[in-house]
Amino acid sequence: MALTPITPTRAQVRWDRKRARPAAVRVAGRELTVTAVDAVRDETAAYLAERGPRVTFLVESSGGQATLVYDPRGRRWFVEALDLAA
């Protein structure tokens, strides 16, 4: 399936400390269990000054793939893309 970019939506993420990865995501009233992390893009070493560093996770979840973004400046999580077919 294909990821579809969406308007960045605020999300609540439960972090798994043992595995050092997201464990669950709550977005728009849905609870998604993260089953795997496919890729991580860490921009904390190189980023545009006005945007700030971000960490992007491509995850597999109970509802399909999703792109999670963590903004450390605001300490917020966002979902930027979802597999809408799932």
Protein backbone atom coordinates (compact mmCIF):
# COMPACT_ATOMS: atom_id res chain seq x y z
CA MET A 1 0.00 0.00 0.00
CA ALA A 2 1.05 3.61 -0.44
CA LEU A 3 1.51 6.31 2.14
CA THR A 4 -0.65 9.38 1.55
CA PRO A 5 0.64 12.73 2.82
CA ILE A 6 -1.85 14.43 5.13
CA THR A 7 -1.95 17.73 6.96
CA PRO A 8 0.40 17.19 9.93
CA THR A 9 -1.85 16.07 12.77
CA ARG A 10 -0.92 16.18 16.43
CA ALA A 11 -0.51 12.72 17.96
CA GLN A 12 0.13 11.14 21.33
CA VAL A 13 2.92 8.58 21.23
CA ARG A 14 3.69 5.98 23.88
CA TRP A 15 7.43 5.25 23.88
CA ASP A 16 8.92 1.80 24.52
CA ARG A 17 12.08 2.45 26.55
CA LYS A 18 13.42 -1.09 26.24
CA ARG A 19 13.31 -1.05 22.44
CA ALA A 20 13.95 2.71 22.07
CA ARG A 21 11.08 3.16 19.63
CA PRO A 22 7.42 4.19 19.53
CA ALA A 23 5.06 1.54 20.91
CA ALA A 24 1.64 3.06 20.19
CA VAL A 25 0.16 6.12 18.50
CA ARG A 26 -3.15 7.83 19.25
CA VAL A 27 -4.29 10.12 16.45
CA ALA A 28 -7.75 11.41 15.56
CA GLY A 29 -9.42 9.08 18.05
CA ARG A 30 -7.64 5.96 16.72
CA GLU A 31 -5.15 3.88 18.69
CA LEU A 32 -2.48 2.25 16.52
CA THR A 33 -0.06 -0.33 17.90
CA VAL A 34 3.41 -0.01 16.36
CA THR A 35 4.60 -3.43 15.20
CA ALA A 36 7.89 -2.42 13.51
CA VAL A 37 10.05 0.57 12.66
CA ASP A 38 11.04 0.47 8.97
CA ALA A 39 13.26 3.58 8.88
CA VAL A 40 14.48 6.46 11.03
CA ARG A 41 15.69 9.81 9.74
CA ASP A 42 17.50 11.84 12.39
CA GLU A 43 18.03 15.49 11.46
CA THR A 44 19.43 16.65 14.80
CA ALA A 45 22.96 17.08 13.39
CA ALA A 46 22.00 18.92 10.19
CA TYR A 47 18.87 20.99 9.74
CA LEU A 48 17.56 24.33 8.55
CA ALA A 49 17.77 26.91 11.34
CA GLU A 50 14.15 28.07 10.98
CA ARG A 51 12.77 24.53 10.97
CA GLY A 52 14.79 22.99 13.75
CA PRO A 53 15.88 19.38 14.13
CA ARG A 54 13.33 16.60 13.71
CA VAL A 55 13.32 12.86 13.92
CA THR A 56 11.10 11.01 11.44
CA PHE A 57 9.98 7.40 11.90
CA LEU A 58 8.44 5.25 9.18
CA VAL A 59 6.48 2.67 11.17
CA GLU A 60 4.33 -0.38 10.54
CA SER A 61 1.26 -0.39 12.75
CA SER A 62 -1.94 -2.28 13.30
CA GLY A 63 -3.58 0.19 10.90
CA GLY A 64 -0.92 0.11 8.16
CA GLN A 65 2.15 2.27 7.61
CA ALA A 66 2.51 5.77 9.04
CA THR A 67 5.11 8.52 9.16
CA LEU A 68 5.67 9.92 12.67
CA VAL A 69 7.63 13.10 13.25
CA TYR A 70 9.01 14.25 16.59
CA ASP A 71 9.67 17.98 17.00
CA PRO A 72 12.01 18.33 20.02
CA ARG A 73 11.70 22.14 20.12
CA GLY A 74 8.00 21.87 20.97
CA ARG A 75 8.20 18.34 22.40
CA ARG A 76 5.38 17.29 20.10
CA TRP A 77 4.60 14.34 17.86
CA PHE A 78 2.87 14.60 14.49
CA VAL A 79 1.56 12.14 11.91
CA GLU A 80 2.46 13.39 8.41
CA ALA A 81 1.43 10.42 6.25
CA LEU A 82 -0.88 7.42 6.59
CA ASP A 83 -1.78 4.33 4.63
CA LEU A 84 -5.41 5.30 4.02
CA ALA A 85 -6.35 1.90 2.60
CA ALA A 86 -5.77 0.19 5.96
